[in-house]
Amino acid sequence: MRVEVTDRDAIVVHPAGDIDYSSLDPLREALLDARVAGVKEIIVDLEQVSFLDSQGLAVILFAHQRQRSAGGRLVLRNLNEDAYRLLHVTNLSAVIDVDHGDSAPARGLATRQGA
C-alpha cells in the first residue's frame, strides 16, 4: 500500500491487488490514520486493484461516512469495470464521489511506503 501526502489536508491512498476479507487491514489502517491525522480529502486510487469485494467496499463506505461527518470527503479514482459495476449495483456510485481522472490533486507529492 502506497500513500501520497499531497499536503496536510489531503492524501492519495494506492491499494494494490485484491481488496477482500483477507486483505482489508492495510486499507482500513491507512484510511483510519488519515482520518485521525485530520486529513480533509482522501483519494483512494484503485488503479492497481484487481478485485474489490463487498467487505472492501464496506471499509471504503465506512471511511467515506467518517470523512463526511467531519466535513471532509473521500473520492474513488481509477475504478476498473468490475469495481465500478459493484458501486453501481449497490447504488453507492450516487453516494461516494468517483473521479475517472488520473491526475493527483497537487503536484510535488511526498510518498510514504507502507506494508
PDB file of N, CA and C in Angstrom:
ATOM      1  N   MET A   1       0.860  -1.178   0.000  1.00  0.00           N
ATOM      2  CA  MET A   1       0.000   0.000   0.000  1.00  0.00           C
ATOM      3  C   MET A   1       0.898   1.230   0.000  1.00  0.00           C
ATOM      4  N   ARG A   2       0.619   2.108  -0.913  1.00  0.00           N
ATOM      5  CA  ARG A   2       1.379   3.347  -1.000  1.00  0.00           C
ATOM      6  C   ARG A   2       0.442   4.496  -0.661  1.00  0.00           C
ATOM      7  N   VAL A   3       0.938   5.461   0.115  1.00  0.00           N
ATOM      8  CA  VAL A   3       0.155   6.633   0.495  1.00  0.00           C
ATOM      9  C   VAL A   3       0.928   7.875   0.086  1.00  0.00           C
ATOM     10  N   GLU A   4       0.313   8.739  -0.731  1.00  0.00           N
ATOM     11  CA  GLU A   4       0.917  10.004  -1.133  1.00  0.00           C
ATOM     12  C   GLU A   4       0.319  11.105  -0.268  1.00  0.00           C
ATOM     13  N   VAL A   5       1.177  11.898   0.334  1.00  0.00           N
ATOM     14  CA  VAL A   5       0.730  13.029   1.130  1.00  0.00           C
ATOM     15  C   VAL A   5       0.843  14.262   0.249  1.00  0.00           C
ATOM     16  N   THR A   6      -0.304  14.835  -0.126  1.00  0.00           N
ATOM     17  CA  THR A   6      -0.275  15.983  -1.020  1.00  0.00           C
ATOM     18  C   THR A   6      -0.059  17.278  -0.256  1.00  0.00           C
ATOM     19  N   ASP A   7      -0.652  17.385   0.892  1.00  0.00           N
ATOM     20  CA  ASP A   7      -0.419  18.472   1.837  1.00  0.00           C
ATOM     21  C   ASP A   7      -1.024  18.018   3.151  1.00  0.00           C
ATOM     22  N   ARG A   8      -1.087  18.877   4.134  1.00  0.00           N
ATOM     23  CA  ARG A   8      -1.570  18.420   5.436  1.00  0.00           C
ATOM     24  C   ARG A   8      -3.053  18.103   5.435  1.00  0.00           C
ATOM     25  N   ASP A   9      -3.778  18.477   4.391  1.00  0.00           N
ATOM     26  CA  ASP A   9      -5.214  18.226   4.339  1.00  0.00           C
ATOM     27  C   ASP A   9      -5.643  17.203   3.305  1.00  0.00           C
ATOM     28  N   ALA A  10      -4.709  16.596   2.578  1.00  0.00           N
ATOM     29  CA  ALA A  10      -5.108  15.663   1.523  1.00  0.00           C
ATOM     30  C   ALA A  10      -4.074  14.560   1.325  1.00  0.00           C
ATOM     31  N   ILE A  11      -4.575  13.347   1.052  1.00  0.00           N
ATOM     32  CA  ILE A  11      -3.712  12.217   0.723  1.00  0.00           C
ATOM     33  C   ILE A  11      -4.339  11.410  -0.406  1.00  0.00           C
ATOM     34  N   VAL A  12      -3.492  10.625  -1.052  1.00  0.00           N
ATOM     35  CA  VAL A  12      -3.950   9.655  -2.042  1.00  0.00           C
ATOM     36  C   VAL A  12      -3.473   8.290  -1.562  1.00  0.00           C
ATOM     37  N   VAL A  13      -4.413   7.359  -1.386  1.00  0.00           N
ATOM     38  CA  VAL A  13      -4.108   6.001  -0.950  1.00  0.00           C
ATOM     39  C   VAL A  13      -4.137   5.110  -2.192  1.00  0.00           C
ATOM     40  N   HIS A  14      -3.083   4.311  -2.377  1.00  0.00           N
ATOM     41  CA  HIS A  14      -2.954   3.443  -3.543  1.00  0.00           C
ATOM     42  C   HIS A  14      -2.920   1.976  -3.105  1.00  0.00           C
ATOM     43  N   PRO A  15      -4.069   1.356  -2.860  1.00  0.00           N
ATOM     44  CA  PRO A  15      -4.043  -0.078  -2.569  1.00  0.00           C
ATOM     45  C   PRO A  15      -3.683  -0.842  -3.840  1.00  0.00           C
ATOM     46  N   ALA A  16      -3.223  -2.084  -3.686  1.00  0.00           N
ATOM     47  CA  ALA A  16      -2.861  -2.901  -4.843  1.00  0.00           C
ATOM     48  C   ALA A  16      -3.324  -4.333  -4.620  1.00  0.00           C
ATOM     49  N   GLY A  17      -3.594  -5.020  -5.718  1.00  0.00           N
ATOM     50  CA  GLY A  17      -4.015  -6.412  -5.636  1.00  0.00           C
ATOM     51  C   GLY A  17      -5.489  -6.530  -5.300  1.00  0.00           C
ATOM     52  N   ASP A  18      -5.823  -7.546  -4.530  1.00  0.00           N
ATOM     53  CA  ASP A  18      -7.210  -7.790  -4.133  1.00  0.00           C
ATOM     54  C   ASP A  18      -7.548  -7.039  -2.853  1.00  0.00           C
ATOM     55  N   ILE A  19      -8.727  -6.464  -2.820  1.00  0.00           N
ATOM     56  CA  ILE A  19      -9.261  -5.894  -1.583  1.00  0.00           C
ATOM     57  C   ILE A  19     -10.459  -6.758  -1.224  1.00  0.00           C
ATOM     58  N   ASP A  20     -10.220  -7.688  -0.330  1.00  0.00           N
ATOM     59  CA  ASP A  20     -11.264  -8.602   0.101  1.00  0.00           C
ATOM     60  C   ASP A  20     -11.099  -8.877   1.590  1.00  0.00           C
ATOM     61  N   TYR A  21     -11.914  -9.773   2.107  1.00  0.00           N
ATOM     62  CA  TYR A  21     -11.937 -10.053   3.543  1.00  0.00           C
ATOM     63  C   TYR A  21     -10.554 -10.344   4.114  1.00  0.00           C
ATOM     64  N   SER A  22      -9.731 -11.057   3.357  1.00  0.00           N
ATOM     65  CA  SER A  22      -8.426 -11.464   3.876  1.00  0.00           C
ATOM     66  C   SER A  22      -7.351 -10.384   3.780  1.00  0.00           C
ATOM     67  N   SER A  23      -7.652  -9.264   3.122  1.00  0.00           N
ATOM     68  CA  SER A  23      -6.604  -8.256   2.917  1.00  0.00           C
ATOM     69  C   SER A  23      -7.057  -6.835   3.254  1.00  0.00           C
ATOM     70  N   LEU A  24      -8.015  -6.698   4.150  1.00  0.00           N
ATOM     71  CA  LEU A  24      -8.590  -5.384   4.454  1.00  0.00           C
ATOM     72  C   LEU A  24      -7.758  -4.513   5.379  1.00  0.00           C
ATOM     73  N   ASP A  25      -6.981  -5.124   6.247  1.00  0.00           N
ATOM     74  CA  ASP A  25      -6.310  -4.360   7.302  1.00  0.00           C
ATOM     75  C   ASP A  25      -5.438  -3.203   6.815  1.00  0.00           C
ATOM     76  N   PRO A  26      -4.575  -3.388   5.811  1.00  0.00           N
ATOM     77  CA  PRO A  26      -3.758  -2.236   5.378  1.00  0.00           C
ATOM     78  C   PRO A  26      -4.605  -1.058   4.890  1.00  0.00           C
ATOM     79  N   LEU A  27      -5.665  -1.335   4.133  1.00  0.00           N
ATOM     80  CA  LEU A  27      -6.528  -0.257   3.652  1.00  0.00           C
ATOM     81  C   LEU A  27      -7.257   0.403   4.819  1.00  0.00           C
ATOM     82  N   ARG A  28      -7.815  -0.403   5.697  1.00  0.00           N
ATOM     83  CA  ARG A  28      -8.526   0.131   6.864  1.00  0.00           C
ATOM     84  C   ARG A  28      -7.609   1.012   7.695  1.00  0.00           C
ATOM     85  N   GLU A  29      -6.381   0.563   7.930  1.00  0.00           N
ATOM     86  CA  GLU A  29      -5.427   1.328   8.734  1.00  0.00           C
ATOM     87  C   GLU A  29      -5.031   2.631   8.057  1.00  0.00           C
ATOM     88  N   ALA A  30      -4.795   2.595   6.741  1.00  0.00           N
ATOM     89  CA  ALA A  30      -4.411   3.814   6.019  1.00  0.00           C
ATOM     90  C   ALA A  30      -5.535   4.841   6.068  1.00  0.00           C
ATOM     91  N   LEU A  31      -6.777   4.390   5.896  1.00  0.00           N
ATOM     92  CA  LEU A  31      -7.914   5.312   5.937  1.00  0.00           C
ATOM     93  C   LEU A  31      -8.140   5.852   7.337  1.00  0.00           C
ATOM     94  N   LEU A  32      -7.979   5.020   8.345  1.00  0.00           N
ATOM     95  CA  LEU A  32      -8.138   5.469   9.724  1.00  0.00           C
ATOM     96  C   LEU A  32      -7.020   6.434  10.111  1.00  0.00           C
ATOM     97  N   ASP A  33      -5.788   6.134   9.722  1.00  0.00           N
ATOM     98  CA  ASP A  33      -4.662   7.035  10.009  1.00  0.00           C
ATOM     99  C   ASP A  33      -4.901   8.413   9.415  1.00  0.00           C
ATOM    100  N   ALA A  34      -5.424   8.444   8.197  1.00  0.00           N
ATOM    101  CA  ALA A  34      -5.715   9.726   7.538  1.00  0.00           C
ATOM    102  C   ALA A  34      -6.768  10.493   8.317  1.00  0.00           C
ATOM    103  N   ARG A  35      -7.781   9.807   8.746  1.00  0.00           N
ATOM    104  CA  ARG A  35      -8.860  10.463   9.499  1.00  0.00           C
ATOM    105  C   ARG A  35      -8.339  10.995  10.830  1.00  0.00           C
ATOM    106  N   VAL A  36      -7.560  10.186  11.539  1.00  0.00           N
ATOM    107  CA  VAL A  36      -7.006  10.590  12.830  1.00  0.00           C
ATOM    108  C   VAL A  36      -6.081  11.795  12.651  1.00  0.00           C
ATOM    109  N   ALA A  37      -5.366  11.856  11.527  1.00  0.00           N
ATOM    110  CA  ALA A  37      -4.462  12.969  11.253  1.00  0.00           C
ATOM    111  C   ALA A  37      -5.207  14.233  10.846  1.00  0.00           C
ATOM    112  N   GLY A  38      -6.509  14.134  10.661  1.00  0.00           N
ATOM    113  CA  GLY A  38      -7.298  15.310  10.316  1.00  0.00           C
ATOM    114  C   GLY A  38      -7.299  15.654   8.839  1.00  0.00           C
ATOM    115  N   VAL A  39      -6.960  14.699   8.000  1.00  0.00           N
ATOM    116  CA  VAL A  39      -6.956  14.921   6.554  1.00  0.00           C
ATOM    117  C   VAL A  39      -8.382  15.202   6.088  1.00  0.00           C
ATOM    118  N   LYS A  40      -8.543  16.243   5.293  1.00  0.00           N
ATOM    119  CA  LYS A  40      -9.880  16.630   4.815  1.00  0.00           C
ATOM    120  C   LYS A  40     -10.285  15.885   3.555  1.00  0.00           C
ATOM    121  N   GLU A  41      -9.320  15.556   2.695  1.00  0.00           N
ATOM    122  CA  GLU A  41      -9.649  14.850   1.460  1.00  0.00           C
ATOM    123  C   GLU A  41      -8.807  13.588   1.339  1.00  0.00           C
ATOM    124  N   ILE A  42      -9.490  12.472   1.164  1.00  0.00           N
ATOM    125  CA  ILE A  42      -8.836  11.188   0.933  1.00  0.00           C
ATOM    126  C   ILE A  42      -9.236  10.722  -0.457  1.00  0.00           C
ATOM    127  N   ILE A  43      -8.239  10.465  -1.290  1.00  0.00           N
ATOM    128  CA  ILE A  43      -8.493   9.873  -2.601  1.00  0.00           C
ATOM    129  C   ILE A  43      -7.993   8.441  -2.537  1.00  0.00           C
ATOM    130  N   VAL A  44      -8.862   7.497  -2.870  1.00  0.00           N
ATOM    131  CA  VAL A  44      -8.485   6.098  -2.937  1.00  0.00           C
ATOM    132  C   VAL A  44      -8.351   5.759  -4.421  1.00  0.00           C
ATOM    133  N   ASP A  45      -7.108   5.596  -4.862  1.00  0.00           N
ATOM    134  CA  ASP A  45      -6.824   5.312  -6.265  1.00  0.00           C
ATOM    135  C   ASP A  45      -6.774   3.800  -6.452  1.00  0.00           C
ATOM    136  N   LEU A  46      -7.761   3.264  -7.169  1.00  0.00           N
ATOM    137  CA  LEU A  46      -7.910   1.824  -7.319  1.00  0.00           C
ATOM    138  C   LEU A  46      -7.277   1.280  -8.603  1.00  0.00           C
ATOM    139  N   GLU A  47      -6.392   2.043  -9.206  1.00  0.00           N
ATOM    140  CA  GLU A  47      -5.794   1.632 -10.480  1.00  0.00           C
ATOM    141  C   GLU A  47      -5.096   0.275 -10.388  1.00  0.00           C
ATOM    142  N   GLN A  48      -4.437  -0.024  -9.279  1.00  0.00           N
ATOM    143  CA  GLN A  48      -3.691  -1.272  -9.117  1.00  0.00           C
ATOM    144  C   GLN A  48      -4.502  -2.369  -8.431  1.00  0.00           C
ATOM    145  N   VAL A  49      -5.803  -2.133  -8.236  1.00  0.00           N
ATOM    146  CA  VAL A  49      -6.656  -3.115  -7.565  1.00  0.00           C
ATOM    147  C   VAL A  49      -7.281  -4.031  -8.613  1.00  0.00           C
ATOM    148  N   SER A  50      -7.070  -5.321  -8.450  1.00  0.00           N
ATOM    149  CA  SER A  50      -7.598  -6.288  -9.410  1.00  0.00           C
ATOM    150  C   SER A  50      -8.968  -6.815  -9.000  1.00  0.00           C
ATOM    151  N   PHE A  51      -9.294  -6.747  -7.711  1.00  0.00           N
ATOM    152  CA  PHE A  51     -10.565  -7.284  -7.226  1.00  0.00           C
ATOM    153  C   PHE A  51     -11.009  -6.503  -5.993  1.00  0.00           C
ATOM    154  N   LEU A  52     -12.273  -6.140  -5.948  1.00  0.00           N
ATOM    155  CA  LEU A  52     -12.869  -5.451  -4.804  1.00  0.00           C
ATOM    156  C   LEU A  52     -14.154  -6.170  -4.449  1.00  0.00           C
ATOM    157  N   ASP A  53     -14.237  -6.701  -3.225  1.00  0.00           N
ATOM    158  CA  ASP A  53     -15.470  -7.372  -2.830  1.00  0.00           C
ATOM    159  C   ASP A  53     -16.295  -6.484  -1.904  1.00  0.00           C
ATOM    160  N   SER A  54     -17.424  -7.004  -1.444  1.00  0.00           N
ATOM    161  CA  SER A  54     -18.335  -6.211  -0.616  1.00  0.00           C
ATOM    162  C   SER A  54     -17.706  -5.809   0.712  1.00  0.00           C
ATOM    163  N   GLN A  55     -16.821  -6.630   1.256  1.00  0.00           N
ATOM    164  CA  GLN A  55     -16.147  -6.273   2.508  1.00  0.00           C
ATOM    165  C   GLN A  55     -15.206  -5.083   2.291  1.00  0.00           C
ATOM    166  N   GLY A  56     -14.495  -5.089   1.183  1.00  0.00           N
ATOM    167  CA  GLY A  56     -13.630  -3.954   0.852  1.00  0.00           C
ATOM    168  C   GLY A  56     -14.441  -2.696   0.629  1.00  0.00           C
ATOM    169  N   LEU A  57     -15.566  -2.851  -0.050  1.00  0.00           N
ATOM    170  CA  LEU A  57     -16.453  -1.713  -0.285  1.00  0.00           C
ATOM    171  C   LEU A  57     -17.009  -1.189   1.036  1.00  0.00           C
ATOM    172  N   ALA A  58     -17.288  -2.074   1.977  1.00  0.00           N
ATOM    173  CA  ALA A  58     -17.789  -1.646   3.291  1.00  0.00           C
ATOM    174  C   ALA A  58     -16.751  -0.804   4.029  1.00  0.00           C
ATOM    175  N   VAL A  59     -15.482  -1.171   3.934  1.00  0.00           N
ATOM    176  CA  VAL A  59     -14.408  -0.388   4.567  1.00  0.00           C
ATOM    177  C   VAL A  59     -14.349   1.001   3.944  1.00  0.00           C
ATOM    178  N   ILE A  60     -14.455   1.064   2.627  1.00  0.00           N
ATOM    179  CA  ILE A  60     -14.432   2.354   1.929  1.00  0.00           C
ATOM    180  C   ILE A  60     -15.646   3.187   2.303  1.00  0.00           C
ATOM    181  N   LEU A  61     -16.815   2.569   2.355  1.00  0.00           N
ATOM    182  CA  LEU A  61     -18.042   3.289   2.718  1.00  0.00           C
ATOM    183  C   LEU A  61     -17.958   3.832   4.139  1.00  0.00           C
ATOM    184  N   PHE A  62     -17.451   3.044   5.065  1.00  0.00           N
ATOM    185  CA  PHE A  62     -17.311   3.495   6.448  1.00  0.00           C
ATOM    186  C   PHE A  62     -16.364   4.698   6.524  1.00  0.00           C
ATOM    187  N   ALA A  63     -15.254   4.639   5.784  1.00  0.00           N
ATOM    188  CA  ALA A  63     -14.313   5.768   5.758  1.00  0.00           C
ATOM    189  C   ALA A  63     -14.974   6.990   5.133  1.00  0.00           C
ATOM    190  N   HIS A  64     -15.755   6.780   4.092  1.00  0.00           N
ATOM    191  CA  HIS A  64     -16.498   7.875   3.451  1.00  0.00           C
ATOM    192  C   HIS A  64     -17.432   8.545   4.461  1.00  0.00           C
ATOM    193  N   GLN A  65     -18.161   7.744   5.218  1.00  0.00           N
ATOM    194  CA  GLN A  65     -19.101   8.294   6.202  1.00  0.00           C
ATOM    195  C   GLN A  65     -18.367   9.078   7.290  1.00  0.00           C
ATOM    196  N   ARG A  66     -17.232   8.558   7.750  1.00  0.00           N
ATOM    197  CA  ARG A  66     -16.434   9.280   8.769  1.00  0.00           C
ATOM    198  C   ARG A  66     -15.929  10.604   8.214  1.00  0.00           C
ATOM    199  N   GLN A  67     -15.436  10.582   6.982  1.00  0.00           N
ATOM    200  CA  GLN A  67     -14.945  11.812   6.361  1.00  0.00           C
ATOM    201  C   GLN A  67     -16.051  12.839   6.238  1.00  0.00           C
ATOM    202  N   ARG A  68     -17.177  12.400   5.750  1.00  0.00           N
ATOM    203  CA  ARG A  68     -18.300  13.315   5.548  1.00  0.00           C
ATOM    204  C   ARG A  68     -18.799  13.912   6.860  1.00  0.00           C
ATOM    205  N   SER A  69     -18.859  13.099   7.900  1.00  0.00           N
ATOM    206  CA  SER A  69     -19.336  13.607   9.195  1.00  0.00           C
ATOM    207  C   SER A  69     -18.372  14.629   9.793  1.00  0.00           C
ATOM    208  N   ALA A  70     -17.114  14.588   9.355  1.00  0.00           N
ATOM    209  CA  ALA A  70     -16.113  15.539   9.844  1.00  0.00           C
ATOM    210  C   ALA A  70     -15.923  16.707   8.876  1.00  0.00           C
ATOM    211  N   GLY A  71     -16.775  16.795   7.853  1.00  0.00           N
ATOM    212  CA  GLY A  71     -16.676  17.893   6.905  1.00  0.00           C
ATOM    213  C   GLY A  71     -15.683  17.664   5.789  1.00  0.00           C
ATOM    214  N   GLY A  72     -15.179  16.442   5.665  1.00  0.00           N
ATOM    215  CA  GLY A  72     -14.230  16.118   4.604  1.00  0.00           C
ATOM    216  C   GLY A  72     -14.900  15.311   3.512  1.00  0.00           C
ATOM    217  N   ARG A  73     -14.073  14.726   2.649  1.00  0.00           N
ATOM    218  CA  ARG A  73     -14.640  13.881   1.607  1.00  0.00           C
ATOM    219  C   ARG A  73     -13.670  12.775   1.231  1.00  0.00           C
ATOM    220  N   LEU A  74     -14.237  11.714   0.693  1.00  0.00           N
ATOM    221  CA  LEU A  74     -13.471  10.591   0.176  1.00  0.00           C
ATOM    222  C   LEU A  74     -13.863  10.437  -1.290  1.00  0.00           C
ATOM    223  N   VAL A  75     -12.866  10.267  -2.137  1.00  0.00           N
ATOM    224  CA  VAL A  75     -13.093  10.143  -3.572  1.00  0.00           C
ATOM    225  C   VAL A  75     -12.429   8.858  -4.057  1.00  0.00           C
ATOM    226  N   LEU A  76     -13.131   8.119  -4.902  1.00  0.00           N
ATOM    227  CA  LEU A  76     -12.549   6.942  -5.544  1.00  0.00           C
ATOM    228  C   LEU A  76     -12.074   7.335  -6.927  1.00  0.00           C
ATOM    229  N   ARG A  77     -10.913   6.833  -7.294  1.00  0.00           N
ATOM    230  CA  ARG A  77     -10.319   7.173  -8.587  1.00  0.00           C
ATOM    231  C   ARG A  77      -9.868   5.890  -9.281  1.00  0.00           C
ATOM    232  N   ASN A  78      -9.982   5.880 -10.609  1.00  0.00           N
ATOM    233  CA  ASN A  78      -9.472   4.805 -11.458  1.00  0.00           C
ATOM    234  C   ASN A  78     -10.038   3.433 -11.118  1.00  0.00           C
ATOM    235  N   LEU A  79     -11.349   3.358 -11.007  1.00  0.00           N
ATOM    236  CA  LEU A  79     -12.001   2.071 -10.778  1.00  0.00           C
ATOM    237  C   LEU A  79     -11.958   1.243 -12.050  1.00  0.00           C
ATOM    238  N   ASN A  80     -11.736  -0.057 -11.896  1.00  0.00           N
ATOM    239  CA  ASN A  80     -11.853  -0.919 -13.065  1.00  0.00           C
ATOM    240  C   ASN A  80     -13.338  -1.207 -13.292  1.00  0.00           C
ATOM    241  N   GLU A  81     -13.646  -1.870 -14.362  1.00  0.00           N
ATOM    242  CA  GLU A  81     -15.044  -2.091 -14.733  1.00  0.00           C
ATOM    243  C   GLU A  81     -15.815  -2.864 -13.660  1.00  0.00           C
ATOM    244  N   ASP A  82     -15.193  -3.889 -13.075  1.00  0.00           N
ATOM    245  CA  ASP A  82     -15.871  -4.681 -12.048  1.00  0.00           C
ATOM    246  C   ASP A  82     -16.144  -3.870 -10.783  1.00  0.00           C
ATOM    247  N   ALA A  83     -15.174  -3.070 -10.370  1.00  0.00           N
ATOM    248  CA  ALA A  83     -15.360  -2.247  -9.176  1.00  0.00           C
ATOM    249  C   ALA A  83     -16.441  -1.198  -9.405  1.00  0.00           C
ATOM    250  N   TYR A  84     -16.448  -0.607 -10.588  1.00  0.00           N
ATOM    251  CA  TYR A  84     -17.488   0.378 -10.881  1.00  0.00           C
ATOM    252  C   TYR A  84     -18.869  -0.284 -10.919  1.00  0.00           C
ATOM    253  N   ARG A  85     -18.928  -1.486 -11.474  1.00  0.00           N
ATOM    254  CA  ARG A  85     -20.200  -2.220 -11.505  1.00  0.00           C
ATOM    255  C   ARG A  85     -20.681  -2.505 -10.076  1.00  0.00           C
ATOM    256  N   LEU A  86     -19.784  -2.915  -9.184  1.00  0.00           N
ATOM    257  CA  LEU A  86     -20.153  -3.160  -7.786  1.00  0.00           C
ATOM    258  C   LEU A  86     -20.684  -1.884  -7.148  1.00  0.00           C
ATOM    259  N   LEU A  87     -20.042  -0.777  -7.400  1.00  0.00           N
ATOM    260  CA  LEU A  87     -20.501   0.510  -6.873  1.00  0.00           C
ATOM    261  C   LEU A  87     -21.881   0.857  -7.428  1.00  0.00           C
ATOM    262  N   HIS A  88     -22.072   0.610  -8.701  1.00  0.00           N
ATOM    263  CA  HIS A  88     -23.344   0.931  -9.349  1.00  0.00           C
ATOM    264  C   HIS A  88     -24.475   0.024  -8.853  1.00  0.00           C
ATOM    265  N   VAL A  89     -24.226  -1.275  -8.766  1.00  0.00           N
ATOM    266  CA  VAL A  89     -25.247  -2.233  -8.333  1.00  0.00           C
ATOM    267  C   VAL A  89     -25.685  -1.954  -6.891  1.00  0.00           C
ATOM    268  N   THR A  90     -24.761  -1.526  -6.060  1.00  0.00           N
ATOM    269  CA  THR A  90     -25.090  -1.219  -4.666  1.00  0.00           C
ATOM    270  C   THR A  90     -25.611   0.201  -4.500  1.00  0.00           C
ATOM    271  N   ASN A  91     -25.686   0.946  -5.599  1.00  0.00           N
ATOM    272  CA  ASN A  91     -26.145   2.337  -5.639  1.00  0.00           C
ATOM    273  C   ASN A  91     -25.208   3.288  -4.889  1.00  0.00           C
ATOM    274  N   LEU A  92     -23.994   2.835  -4.617  1.00  0.00           N
ATOM    275  CA  LEU A  92     -23.034   3.689  -3.923  1.00  0.00           C
ATOM    276  C   LEU A  92     -22.357   4.673  -4.862  1.00  0.00           C
ATOM    277  N   SER A  93     -22.518   4.480  -6.170  1.00  0.00           N
ATOM    278  CA  SER A  93     -21.967   5.454  -7.112  1.00  0.00           C
ATOM    279  C   SER A  93     -22.689   6.792  -6.987  1.00  0.00           C
ATOM    280  N   ALA A  94     -23.881   6.774  -6.381  1.00  0.00           N
ATOM    281  CA  ALA A  94     -24.615   8.018  -6.126  1.00  0.00           C
ATOM    282  C   ALA A  94     -24.249   8.614  -4.774  1.00  0.00           C
ATOM    283  N   VAL A  95     -23.488   7.881  -3.979  1.00  0.00           N
ATOM    284  CA  VAL A  95     -23.141   8.317  -2.619  1.00  0.00           C
ATOM    285  C   VAL A  95     -21.682   8.748  -2.524  1.00  0.00           C
ATOM    286  N   ILE A  96     -20.796   7.927  -3.060  1.00  0.00           N
ATOM    287  CA  ILE A  96     -19.357   8.177  -2.983  1.00  0.00           C
ATOM    288  C   ILE A  96     -18.909   8.851  -4.273  1.00  0.00           C
ATOM    289  N   ASP A  97     -18.116   9.906  -4.150  1.00  0.00           N
ATOM    290  CA  ASP A  97     -17.591  10.601  -5.330  1.00  0.00           C
ATOM    291  C   ASP A  97     -16.645   9.682  -6.096  1.00  0.00           C
ATOM    292  N   VAL A  98     -16.803   9.648  -7.415  1.00  0.00           N
ATOM    293  CA  VAL A  98     -15.932   8.864  -8.283  1.00  0.00           C
ATOM    294  C   VAL A  98     -15.279   9.811  -9.275  1.00  0.00           C
ATOM    295  N   ASP A  99     -13.944   9.793  -9.303  1.00  0.00           N
ATOM    296  CA  ASP A  99     -13.163  10.606 -10.225  1.00  0.00           C
ATOM    297  C   ASP A  99     -12.514   9.663 -11.223  1.00  0.00           C
ATOM    298  N   HIS A 100     -12.805   9.827 -12.490  1.00  0.00           N
ATOM    299  CA  HIS A 100     -12.249   8.945 -13.506  1.00  0.00           C
ATOM    300  C   HIS A 100     -10.923   9.447 -14.047  1.00  0.00           C
ATOM    301  N   GLY A 101     -10.433  10.598 -13.543  1.00  0.00           N
ATOM    302  CA  GLY A 101      -9.148  11.142 -13.975  1.00  0.00           C
ATOM    303  C   GLY A 101      -8.008  10.446 -13.288  1.00  0.00           C
ATOM    304  N   ASP A 102      -6.783  10.780 -13.725  1.00  0.00           N
ATOM    305  CA  ASP A 102      -5.623  10.160 -13.101  1.00  0.00           C
ATOM    306  C   ASP A 102      -4.624  11.178 -12.580  1.00  0.00           C
ATOM    307  N   SER A 103      -5.013  12.448 -12.539  1.00  0.00           N
ATOM    308  CA  SER A 103      -4.086  13.457 -12.037  1.00  0.00           C
ATOM    309  C   SER A 103      -4.251  13.611 -10.529  1.00  0.00           C
ATOM    310  N   ALA A 104      -3.153  13.790  -9.847  1.00  0.00           N
ATOM    311  CA  ALA A 104      -3.185  13.980  -8.400  1.00  0.00           C
ATOM    312  C   ALA A 104      -3.698  15.374  -8.101  1.00  0.00           C
ATOM    313  N   PRO A 105      -4.273  15.595  -6.908  1.00  0.00           N
ATOM    314  CA  PRO A 105      -4.820  16.891  -6.573  1.00  0.00           C
ATOM    315  C   PRO A 105      -3.766  17.976  -6.415  1.00  0.00           C
ATOM    316  N   ALA A 106      -2.545  17.579  -6.215  1.00  0.00           N
ATOM    317  CA  ALA A 106      -1.479  18.587  -6.069  1.00  0.00           C
ATOM    318  C   ALA A 106      -0.196  18.040  -6.663  1.00  0.00           C
ATOM    319  N   ARG A 107       0.691  18.903  -7.057  1.00  0.00           N
ATOM    320  CA  ARG A 107       1.984  18.487  -7.612  1.00  0.00           C
ATOM    321  C   ARG A 107       3.016  18.431  -6.500  1.00  0.00           C
ATOM    322  N   GLY A 108       4.147  17.791  -6.784  1.00  0.00           N
ATOM    323  CA  GLY A 108       5.225  17.721  -5.801  1.00  0.00           C
ATOM    324  C   GLY A 108       4.846  16.851  -4.617  1.00  0.00           C
ATOM    325  N   LEU A 109       4.344  15.654  -4.897  1.00  0.00           N
ATOM    326  CA  LEU A 109       3.844  14.792  -3.834  1.00  0.00           C
ATOM    327  C   LEU A 109       4.979  14.111  -3.088  1.00  0.00           C
ATOM    328  N   ALA A 110       4.854  14.058  -1.791  1.00  0.00           N
ATOM    329  CA  ALA A 110       5.763  13.263  -0.982  1.00  0.00           C
ATOM    330  C   ALA A 110       5.152  11.875  -0.888  1.00  0.00           C
ATOM    331  N   THR A 111       5.938  10.831  -0.931  1.00  0.00           N
ATOM    332  CA  THR A 111       5.418   9.471  -0.901  1.00  0.00           C
ATOM    333  C   THR A 111       5.905   8.747   0.334  1.00  0.00           C
ATOM    334  N   ARG A 112       4.981   8.025   0.958  1.00  0.00           N
ATOM    335  CA  ARG A 112       5.310   7.202   2.122  1.00  0.00           C
ATOM    336  C   ARG A 112       4.921   5.784   1.753  1.00  0.00           C
ATOM    337  N   GLN A 113       5.820   4.859   1.892  1.00  0.00           N
ATOM    338  CA  GLN A 113       5.547   3.461   1.581  1.00  0.00           C
ATOM    339  C   GLN A 113       5.075   2.767   2.839  1.00  0.00           C
ATOM    340  N   GLY A 114       4.045   1.964   2.702  1.00  0.00           N
ATOM    341  CA  GLY A 114       3.534   1.174   3.813  1.00  0.00           C
ATOM    342  C   GLY A 114       3.504  -0.284   3.437  1.00  0.00           C
ATOM    343  N   ALA A 115       3.158  -1.132   4.387  1.00  0.00           N
ATOM    344  CA  ALA A 115       3.135  -2.587   4.145  1.00  0.00           C
ATOM    345  C   ALA A 115       1.956  -2.994   3.315  1.00  0.00           C
TER     346      ALA A 115
END
